Amino acid sequence: MENNQARPNKQLLHLVFGGEVASLDGIEFKNLESLDVVGIYPNYATAYDAWKAAAQSSVDNAQMRYFIVHMHRLLEPQKSEDVRDETDQ
């Protein structure tokens, strides 16, 4: 069990966005101008909740896909091996 007082929660930014894909087996978007940027979140758990809500709201459109981008890995790639979030095993 981790001691949260010894190590404060580190801000690990995550972007949630989505849009209609050109085909069901790809990730190329039909129209980049109509992408839905849901938001930027301070941790994976919050981003996951936002992703799930957005994905469930578009369940009737099979071509609508939402994604979670680990921005902290893009912003500091040299630290990506040292920093782990809830999705890392």
PDB file of N, CA and C in Angstrom:
ATOM      1  N   MET A   1       0.841  -1.184   0.000  1.00  0.00           N
ATOM      2  CA  MET A   1       0.000   0.000   0.000  1.00  0.00           C
ATOM      3  C   MET A   1       0.883   1.244   0.000  1.00  0.00           C
ATOM      4  N   GLU A   2       0.557   2.193  -0.891  1.00  0.00           N
ATOM      5  CA  GLU A   2       1.354   3.415  -0.981  1.00  0.00           C
ATOM      6  C   GLU A   2       0.954   4.415   0.087  1.00  0.00           C
ATOM      7  N   ASN A   3       1.927   5.170   0.530  1.00  0.00           N
ATOM      8  CA  ASN A   3       1.683   6.247   1.472  1.00  0.00           C
ATOM      9  C   ASN A   3       1.533   7.532   0.670  1.00  0.00           C
ATOM     10  N   ASN A   4       0.301   8.034   0.539  1.00  0.00           N
ATOM     11  CA  ASN A   4       0.040   9.225  -0.267  1.00  0.00           C
ATOM     12  C   ASN A   4       0.671  10.478   0.312  1.00  0.00           C
ATOM     13  N   GLN A   5       0.965  10.497   1.603  1.00  0.00           N
ATOM     14  CA  GLN A   5       1.593  11.666   2.200  1.00  0.00           C
ATOM     15  C   GLN A   5       3.057  11.750   1.796  1.00  0.00           C
ATOM     16  N   ALA A   6       3.689  10.628   1.590  1.00  0.00           N
ATOM     17  CA  ALA A   6       5.098  10.625   1.212  1.00  0.00           C
ATOM     18  C   ALA A   6       5.282  11.075  -0.229  1.00  0.00           C
ATOM     19  N   ARG A   7       4.307  10.782  -1.078  1.00  0.00           N
ATOM     20  CA  ARG A   7       4.407  11.135  -2.491  1.00  0.00           C
ATOM     21  C   ARG A   7       3.101  11.786  -2.935  1.00  0.00           C
ATOM     22  N   PRO A   8       3.085  13.116  -3.089  1.00  0.00           N
ATOM     23  CA  PRO A   8       1.848  13.782  -3.501  1.00  0.00           C
ATOM     24  C   PRO A   8       1.445  13.338  -4.907  1.00  0.00           C
ATOM     25  N   ASN A   9       0.144  13.400  -5.191  1.00  0.00           N
ATOM     26  CA  ASN A   9      -0.333  13.025  -6.519  1.00  0.00           C
ATOM     27  C   ASN A   9       0.271  13.934  -7.570  1.00  0.00           C
ATOM     28  N   LYS A  10       0.895  13.343  -8.563  1.00  0.00           N
ATOM     29  CA  LYS A  10       1.504  14.105  -9.640  1.00  0.00           C
ATOM     30  C   LYS A  10       0.453  14.378 -10.707  1.00  0.00           C
ATOM     31  N   GLN A  11       0.482  15.571 -11.239  1.00  0.00           N
ATOM     32  CA  GLN A  11      -0.436  15.943 -12.307  1.00  0.00           C
ATOM     33  C   GLN A  11      -0.011  15.237 -13.588  1.00  0.00           C
ATOM     34  N   LEU A  12      -0.880  14.386 -14.115  1.00  0.00           N
ATOM     35  CA  LEU A  12      -0.622  13.663 -15.357  1.00  0.00           C
ATOM     36  C   LEU A  12      -1.745  14.009 -16.332  1.00  0.00           C
ATOM     37  N   LEU A  13      -1.495  14.982 -17.207  1.00  0.00           N
ATOM     38  CA  LEU A  13      -2.539  15.492 -18.089  1.00  0.00           C
ATOM     39  C   LEU A  13      -2.969  14.461 -19.130  1.00  0.00           C
ATOM     40  N   HIS A  14      -4.294  14.407 -19.352  1.00  0.00           N
ATOM     41  CA  HIS A  14      -4.894  13.522 -20.345  1.00  0.00           C
ATOM     42  C   HIS A  14      -5.919  14.318 -21.152  1.00  0.00           C
ATOM     43  N   LEU A  15      -5.907  14.137 -22.459  1.00  0.00           N
ATOM     44  CA  LEU A  15      -6.843  14.789 -23.375  1.00  0.00           C
ATOM     45  C   LEU A  15      -7.882  13.768 -23.823  1.00  0.00           C
ATOM     46  N   VAL A  16      -9.145  14.156 -23.791  1.00  0.00           N
ATOM     47  CA  VAL A  16     -10.226  13.307 -24.293  1.00  0.00           C
ATOM     48  C   VAL A  16     -10.838  14.012 -25.497  1.00  0.00           C
ATOM     49  N   PHE A  17     -10.880  13.306 -26.620  1.00  0.00           N
ATOM     50  CA  PHE A  17     -11.473  13.875 -27.828  1.00  0.00           C
ATOM     51  C   PHE A  17     -12.056  12.758 -28.677  1.00  0.00           C
ATOM     52  N   GLY A  18     -12.869  13.149 -29.659  1.00  0.00           N
ATOM     53  CA  GLY A  18     -13.457  12.153 -30.544  1.00  0.00           C
ATOM     54  C   GLY A  18     -13.999  12.786 -31.798  1.00  0.00           C
ATOM     55  N   GLY A  19     -14.505  11.930 -32.654  1.00  0.00           N
ATOM     56  CA  GLY A  19     -15.084  12.377 -33.905  1.00  0.00           C
ATOM     57  C   GLY A  19     -15.505  11.181 -34.738  1.00  0.00           C
ATOM     58  N   GLU A  20     -16.133  11.469 -35.864  1.00  0.00           N
ATOM     59  CA  GLU A  20     -16.548  10.390 -36.759  1.00  0.00           C
ATOM     60  C   GLU A  20     -15.363   9.894 -37.562  1.00  0.00           C
ATOM     61  N   VAL A  21     -15.178   8.575 -37.564  1.00  0.00           N
ATOM     62  CA  VAL A  21     -14.088   7.980 -38.328  1.00  0.00           C
ATOM     63  C   VAL A  21     -14.584   7.619 -39.721  1.00  0.00           C
ATOM     64  N   ALA A  22     -13.641   7.589 -40.672  1.00  0.00           N
ATOM     65  CA  ALA A  22     -13.980   7.299 -42.061  1.00  0.00           C
ATOM     66  C   ALA A  22     -14.425   5.850 -42.250  1.00  0.00           C
ATOM     67  N   SER A  23     -13.827   4.935 -41.487  1.00  0.00           N
ATOM     68  CA  SER A  23     -14.230   3.528 -41.566  1.00  0.00           C
ATOM     69  C   SER A  23     -14.185   2.920 -40.168  1.00  0.00           C
ATOM     70  N   LEU A  24     -14.939   1.870 -39.972  1.00  0.00           N
ATOM     71  CA  LEU A  24     -15.036   1.253 -38.652  1.00  0.00           C
ATOM     72  C   LEU A  24     -13.747   0.581 -38.203  1.00  0.00           C
ATOM     73  N   ASP A  25     -12.870   0.251 -39.136  1.00  0.00           N
ATOM     74  CA  ASP A  25     -11.629  -0.427 -38.762  1.00  0.00           C
ATOM     75  C   ASP A  25     -10.418   0.499 -38.770  1.00  0.00           C
ATOM     76  N   GLY A  26     -10.652   1.813 -38.803  1.00  0.00           N
ATOM     77  CA  GLY A  26      -9.540   2.759 -38.809  1.00  0.00           C
ATOM     78  C   GLY A  26      -9.724   3.879 -37.804  1.00  0.00           C
ATOM     79  N   ILE A  27      -8.726   4.755 -37.761  1.00  0.00           N
ATOM     80  CA  ILE A  27      -8.817   5.911 -36.858  1.00  0.00           C
ATOM     81  C   ILE A  27      -8.641   7.233 -37.610  1.00  0.00           C
ATOM     82  N   GLU A  28      -8.838   7.204 -38.923  1.00  0.00           N
ATOM     83  CA  GLU A  28      -8.802   8.444 -39.703  1.00  0.00           C
ATOM     84  C   GLU A  28     -10.176   9.104 -39.605  1.00  0.00           C
ATOM     85  N   PHE A  29     -10.175  10.393 -39.258  1.00  0.00           N
ATOM     86  CA  PHE A  29     -11.431  11.104 -39.053  1.00  0.00           C
ATOM     87  C   PHE A  29     -11.996  11.627 -40.367  1.00  0.00           C
ATOM     88  N   LYS A  30     -13.332  11.640 -40.471  1.00  0.00           N
ATOM     89  CA  LYS A  30     -14.014  12.159 -41.650  1.00  0.00           C
ATOM     90  C   LYS A  30     -13.780  13.653 -41.817  1.00  0.00           C
ATOM     91  N   ASN A  31     -13.888  14.407 -40.717  1.00  0.00           N
ATOM     92  CA  ASN A  31     -13.812  15.864 -40.786  1.00  0.00           C
ATOM     93  C   ASN A  31     -13.098  16.388 -39.541  1.00  0.00           C
ATOM     94  N   LEU A  32     -11.868  16.838 -39.716  1.00  0.00           N
ATOM     95  CA  LEU A  32     -11.090  17.331 -38.577  1.00  0.00           C
ATOM     96  C   LEU A  32     -11.708  18.570 -37.939  1.00  0.00           C
ATOM     97  N   GLU A  33     -12.433  19.352 -38.726  1.00  0.00           N
ATOM     98  CA  GLU A  33     -13.048  20.572 -38.194  1.00  0.00           C
ATOM     99  C   GLU A  33     -14.196  20.275 -37.230  1.00  0.00           C
ATOM    100  N   SER A  34     -14.722  19.063 -37.283  1.00  0.00           N
ATOM    101  CA  SER A  34     -15.845  18.740 -36.398  1.00  0.00           C
ATOM    102  C   SER A  34     -15.441  17.820 -35.238  1.00  0.00           C
ATOM    103  N   LEU A  35     -14.147  17.744 -34.943  1.00  0.00           N
ATOM    104  CA  LEU A  35     -13.711  16.947 -33.793  1.00  0.00           C
ATOM    105  C   LEU A  35     -14.325  17.503 -32.506  1.00  0.00           C
ATOM    106  N   ASP A  36     -14.685  16.618 -31.628  1.00  0.00           N
ATOM    107  CA  ASP A  36     -15.249  16.993 -30.333  1.00  0.00           C
ATOM    108  C   ASP A  36     -14.142  16.892 -29.286  1.00  0.00           C
ATOM    109  N   VAL A  37     -13.623  18.042 -28.853  1.00  0.00           N
ATOM    110  CA  VAL A  37     -12.619  18.065 -27.793  1.00  0.00           C
ATOM    111  C   VAL A  37     -13.384  18.140 -26.472  1.00  0.00           C
ATOM    112  N   VAL A  38     -13.417  17.036 -25.772  1.00  0.00           N
ATOM    113  CA  VAL A  38     -14.179  16.942 -24.531  1.00  0.00           C
ATOM    114  C   VAL A  38     -13.488  17.739 -23.433  1.00  0.00           C
ATOM    115  N   GLY A  39     -12.152  17.591 -23.328  1.00  0.00           N
ATOM    116  CA  GLY A  39     -11.424  18.362 -22.330  1.00  0.00           C
ATOM    117  C   GLY A  39     -10.076  17.768 -21.990  1.00  0.00           C
ATOM    118  N   ILE A  40      -9.371  18.488 -21.116  1.00  0.00           N
ATOM    119  CA  ILE A  40      -8.075  18.055 -20.599  1.00  0.00           C
ATOM    120  C   ILE A  40      -8.254  17.823 -19.106  1.00  0.00           C
ATOM    121  N   TYR A  41      -7.750  16.683 -18.629  1.00  0.00           N
ATOM    122  CA  TYR A  41      -8.000  16.251 -17.257  1.00  0.00           C
ATOM    123  C   TYR A  41      -6.688  15.981 -16.524  1.00  0.00           C
ATOM    124  N   PRO A  42      -6.684  16.139 -15.200  1.00  0.00           N
ATOM    125  CA  PRO A  42      -5.443  16.049 -14.423  1.00  0.00           C
ATOM    126  C   PRO A  42      -4.960  14.631 -14.142  1.00  0.00           C
ATOM    127  N   ASN A  43      -5.792  13.634 -14.439  1.00  0.00           N
ATOM    128  CA  ASN A  43      -5.384  12.250 -14.190  1.00  0.00           C
ATOM    129  C   ASN A  43      -6.208  11.315 -15.067  1.00  0.00           C
ATOM    130  N   TYR A  44      -5.760  10.065 -15.134  1.00  0.00           N
ATOM    131  CA  TYR A  44      -6.422   9.098 -16.009  1.00  0.00           C
ATOM    132  C   TYR A  44      -7.848   8.787 -15.559  1.00  0.00           C
ATOM    133  N   ALA A  45      -8.069   8.661 -14.272  1.00  0.00           N
ATOM    134  CA  ALA A  45      -9.395   8.293 -13.771  1.00  0.00           C
ATOM    135  C   ALA A  45     -10.454   9.318 -14.179  1.00  0.00           C
ATOM    136  N   THR A  46     -10.136  10.584 -14.055  1.00  0.00           N
ATOM    137  CA  THR A  46     -11.070  11.643 -14.448  1.00  0.00           C
ATOM    138  C   THR A  46     -11.272  11.647 -15.959  1.00  0.00           C
ATOM    139  N   ALA A  47     -10.191  11.453 -16.702  1.00  0.00           N
ATOM    140  CA  ALA A  47     -10.281  11.393 -18.162  1.00  0.00           C
ATOM    141  C   ALA A  47     -11.129  10.202 -18.598  1.00  0.00           C
ATOM    142  N   TYR A  48     -10.949   9.080 -17.937  1.00  0.00           N
ATOM    143  CA  TYR A  48     -11.727   7.882 -18.267  1.00  0.00           C
ATOM    144  C   TYR A  48     -13.223   8.131 -18.075  1.00  0.00           C
ATOM    145  N   ASP A  49     -13.591   8.778 -16.981  1.00  0.00           N
ATOM    146  CA  ASP A  49     -15.001   9.082 -16.732  1.00  0.00           C
ATOM    147  C   ASP A  49     -15.569   9.972 -17.835  1.00  0.00           C
ATOM    148  N   ALA A  50     -14.790  10.970 -18.268  1.00  0.00           N
ATOM    149  CA  ALA A  50     -15.232  11.870 -19.341  1.00  0.00           C
ATOM    150  C   ALA A  50     -15.331  11.114 -20.662  1.00  0.00           C
ATOM    151  N   TRP A  51     -14.351  10.248 -20.935  1.00  0.00           N
ATOM    152  CA  TRP A  51     -14.359   9.439 -22.160  1.00  0.00           C
ATOM    153  C   TRP A  51     -15.597   8.545 -22.191  1.00  0.00           C
ATOM    154  N   LYS A  52     -15.864   7.888 -21.078  1.00  0.00           N
ATOM    155  CA  LYS A  52     -16.993   6.960 -21.006  1.00  0.00           C
ATOM    156  C   LYS A  52     -18.316   7.685 -21.244  1.00  0.00           C
ATOM    157  N   ALA A  53     -18.477   8.847 -20.630  1.00  0.00           N
ATOM    158  CA  ALA A  53     -19.710   9.625 -20.812  1.00  0.00           C
ATOM    159  C   ALA A  53     -19.869  10.062 -22.262  1.00  0.00           C
ATOM    160  N   ALA A  54     -18.786  10.532 -22.883  1.00  0.00           N
ATOM    161  CA  ALA A  54     -18.852  10.973 -24.280  1.00  0.00           C
ATOM    162  C   ALA A  54     -19.136   9.794 -25.204  1.00  0.00           C
ATOM    163  N   ALA A  55     -18.470   8.680 -24.979  1.00  0.00           N
ATOM    164  CA  ALA A  55     -18.671   7.500 -25.820  1.00  0.00           C
ATOM    165  C   ALA A  55     -20.098   6.974 -25.692  1.00  0.00           C
ATOM    166  N   GLN A  56     -20.626   6.952 -24.484  1.00  0.00           N
ATOM    167  CA  GLN A  56     -21.987   6.462 -24.282  1.00  0.00           C
ATOM    168  C   GLN A  56     -23.026   7.406 -24.875  1.00  0.00           C
ATOM    169  N   SER A  57     -22.711   8.692 -24.931  1.00  0.00           N
ATOM    170  CA  SER A  57     -23.671   9.649 -25.502  1.00  0.00           C
ATOM    171  C   SER A  57     -23.772   9.524 -27.017  1.00  0.00           C
ATOM    172  N   SER A  58     -22.791   8.869 -27.638  1.00  0.00           N
ATOM    173  CA  SER A  58     -22.799   8.721 -29.096  1.00  0.00           C
ATOM    174  C   SER A  58     -22.976   7.264 -29.511  1.00  0.00           C
ATOM    175  N   VAL A  59     -23.544   6.452 -28.644  1.00  0.00           N
ATOM    176  CA  VAL A  59     -23.659   5.015 -28.894  1.00  0.00           C
ATOM    177  C   VAL A  59     -24.479   4.702 -30.150  1.00  0.00           C
ATOM    178  N   ASP A  60     -25.372   5.575 -30.552  1.00  0.00           N
ATOM    179  CA  ASP A  60     -26.194   5.337 -31.739  1.00  0.00           C
ATOM    180  C   ASP A  60     -25.439   5.562 -33.042  1.00  0.00           C
ATOM    181  N   ASN A  61     -24.261   6.163 -32.980  1.00  0.00           N
ATOM    182  CA  ASN A  61     -23.457   6.414 -34.179  1.00  0.00           C
ATOM    183  C   ASN A  61     -22.215   5.526 -34.122  1.00  0.00           C
ATOM    184  N   ALA A  62     -22.231   4.436 -34.879  1.00  0.00           N
ATOM    185  CA  ALA A  62     -21.132   3.460 -34.835  1.00  0.00           C
ATOM    186  C   ALA A  62     -19.805   4.045 -35.299  1.00  0.00           C
ATOM    187  N   GLN A  63     -19.851   5.124 -36.067  1.00  0.00           N
ATOM    188  CA  GLN A  63     -18.606   5.707 -36.581  1.00  0.00           C
ATOM    189  C   GLN A  63     -18.020   6.778 -35.661  1.00  0.00           C
ATOM    190  N   MET A  64     -18.683   7.066 -34.578  1.00  0.00           N
ATOM    191  CA  MET A  64     -18.175   8.051 -33.623  1.00  0.00           C
ATOM    192  C   MET A  64     -17.266   7.342 -32.630  1.00  0.00           C
ATOM    193  N   ARG A  65     -16.023   7.817 -32.520  1.00  0.00           N
ATOM    194  CA  ARG A  65     -15.052   7.204 -31.612  1.00  0.00           C
ATOM    195  C   ARG A  65     -14.425   8.266 -30.727  1.00  0.00           C
ATOM    196  N   TYR A  66     -14.180   7.913 -29.490  1.00  0.00           N
ATOM    197  CA  TYR A  66     -13.517   8.807 -28.540  1.00  0.00           C
ATOM    198  C   TYR A  66     -12.227   8.162 -28.060  1.00  0.00           C
ATOM    199  N   PHE A  67     -11.249   9.010 -27.747  1.00  0.00           N
ATOM    200  CA  PHE A  67      -9.916   8.554 -27.371  1.00  0.00           C
ATOM    201  C   PHE A  67      -9.416   9.313 -26.147  1.00  0.00           C
ATOM    202  N   ILE A  68      -8.512   8.667 -25.415  1.00  0.00           N
ATOM    203  CA  ILE A  68      -7.787   9.309 -24.317  1.00  0.00           C
ATOM    204  C   ILE A  68      -6.324   9.376 -24.732  1.00  0.00           C
ATOM    205  N   VAL A  69      -5.773  10.585 -24.750  1.00  0.00           N
ATOM    206  CA  VAL A  69      -4.365  10.789 -25.092  1.00  0.00           C
ATOM    207  C   VAL A  69      -3.603  11.121 -23.814  1.00  0.00           C
ATOM    208  N   HIS A  70      -2.536  10.396 -23.566  1.00  0.00           N
ATOM    209  CA  HIS A  70      -1.687  10.638 -22.399  1.00  0.00           C
ATOM    210  C   HIS A  70      -0.757  11.811 -22.714  1.00  0.00           C
ATOM    211  N   MET A  71      -1.239  13.024 -22.483  1.00  0.00           N
ATOM    212  CA  MET A  71      -0.453  14.217 -22.817  1.00  0.00           C
ATOM    213  C   MET A  71       0.849  14.284 -22.032  1.00  0.00           C
ATOM    214  N   HIS A  72       0.847  13.798 -20.802  1.00  0.00           N
ATOM    215  CA  HIS A  72       2.060  13.852 -19.980  1.00  0.00           C
ATOM    216  C   HIS A  72       3.193  13.073 -20.635  1.00  0.00           C
ATOM    217  N   ARG A  73       2.867  12.041 -21.398  1.00  0.00           N
ATOM    218  CA  ARG A  73       3.899  11.266 -22.095  1.00  0.00           C
ATOM    219  C   ARG A  73       4.448  12.029 -23.296  1.00  0.00           C
ATOM    220  N   LEU A  74       3.613  12.860 -23.910  1.00  0.00           N
ATOM    221  CA  LEU A  74       4.051  13.660 -25.056  1.00  0.00           C
ATOM    222  C   LEU A  74       4.843  14.881 -24.613  1.00  0.00           C
ATOM    223  N   LEU A  75       4.442  15.469 -23.492  1.00  0.00           N
ATOM    224  CA  LEU A  75       5.099  16.679 -23.001  1.00  0.00           C
ATOM    225  C   LEU A  75       6.477  16.404 -22.424  1.00  0.00           C
ATOM    226  N   GLU A  76       6.638  15.250 -21.811  1.00  0.00           N
ATOM    227  CA  GLU A  76       7.917  14.891 -21.193  1.00  0.00           C
ATOM    228  C   GLU A  76       8.284  13.452 -21.554  1.00  0.00           C
ATOM    229  N   PRO A  77       8.625  13.212 -22.824  1.00  0.00           N
ATOM    230  CA  PRO A  77       8.898  11.828 -23.242  1.00  0.00           C
ATOM    231  C   PRO A  77      10.065  11.189 -22.501  1.00  0.00           C
ATOM    232  N   GLN A  78      11.033  11.983 -22.090  1.00  0.00           N
ATOM    233  CA  GLN A  78      12.177  11.427 -21.369  1.00  0.00           C
ATOM    234  C   GLN A  78      11.771  10.879 -20.009  1.00  0.00           C
ATOM    235  N   LYS A  79      10.678  11.390 -19.456  1.00  0.00           N
ATOM    236  CA  LYS A  79      10.208  10.926 -18.152  1.00  0.00           C
ATOM    237  C   LYS A  79       9.127   9.855 -18.276  1.00  0.00           C
ATOM    238  N   SER A  80       8.695   9.556 -19.499  1.00  0.00           N
ATOM    239  CA  SER A  80       7.572   8.636 -19.669  1.00  0.00           C
ATOM    240  C   SER A  80       7.862   7.249 -19.117  1.00  0.00           C
ATOM    241  N   GLU A  81       9.119   6.858 -19.065  1.00  0.00           N
ATOM    242  CA  GLU A  81       9.452   5.551 -18.507  1.00  0.00           C
ATOM    243  C   GLU A  81       9.402   5.573 -16.982  1.00  0.00           C
ATOM    244  N   ASP A  82       9.629   6.746 -16.390  1.00  0.00           N
ATOM    245  CA  ASP A  82       9.645   6.866 -14.933  1.00  0.00           C
ATOM    246  C   ASP A  82       8.268   7.137 -14.345  1.00  0.00           C
ATOM    247  N   VAL A  83       7.392   7.767 -15.126  1.00  0.00           N
ATOM    248  CA  VAL A  83       6.081   8.175 -14.635  1.00  0.00           C
ATOM    249  C   VAL A  83       5.041   7.163 -15.090  1.00  0.00           C
ATOM    250  N   ARG A  84       4.268   6.675 -14.163  1.00  0.00           N
ATOM    251  CA  ARG A  84       3.224   5.705 -14.485  1.00  0.00           C
ATOM    252  C   ARG A  84       1.876   6.258 -14.035  1.00  0.00           C
ATOM    253  N   ASP A  85       0.854   5.896 -14.786  1.00  0.00           N
ATOM    254  CA  ASP A  85      -0.495   6.237 -14.356  1.00  0.00           C
ATOM    255  C   ASP A  85      -1.302   4.948 -14.248  1.00  0.00           C
ATOM    256  N   GLU A  86      -2.594   5.058 -14.042  1.00  0.00           N
ATOM    257  CA  GLU A  86      -3.430   3.894 -13.779  1.00  0.00           C
ATOM    258  C   GLU A  86      -3.469   2.892 -14.923  1.00  0.00           C
ATOM    259  N   THR A  87      -3.131   3.306 -16.152  1.00  0.00           N
ATOM    260  CA  THR A  87      -3.204   2.400 -17.292  1.00  0.00           C
ATOM    261  C   THR A  87      -1.938   1.596 -17.468  1.00  0.00           C
ATOM    262  N   ASP A  88      -0.867   1.984 -16.812  1.00  0.00           N
ATOM    263  CA  ASP A  88       0.395   1.259 -16.932  1.00  0.00           C
ATOM    264  C   ASP A  88       0.363   0.016 -16.049  1.00  0.00           C
ATOM    265  N   GLN A  89       0.831  -1.070 -16.581  1.00  0.00           N
ATOM    266  CA  GLN A  89       0.886  -2.329 -15.816  1.00  0.00           C
ATOM    267  C   GLN A  89       2.313  -2.747 -15.608  1.00  0.00           C
TER     268      GLN A  89
END
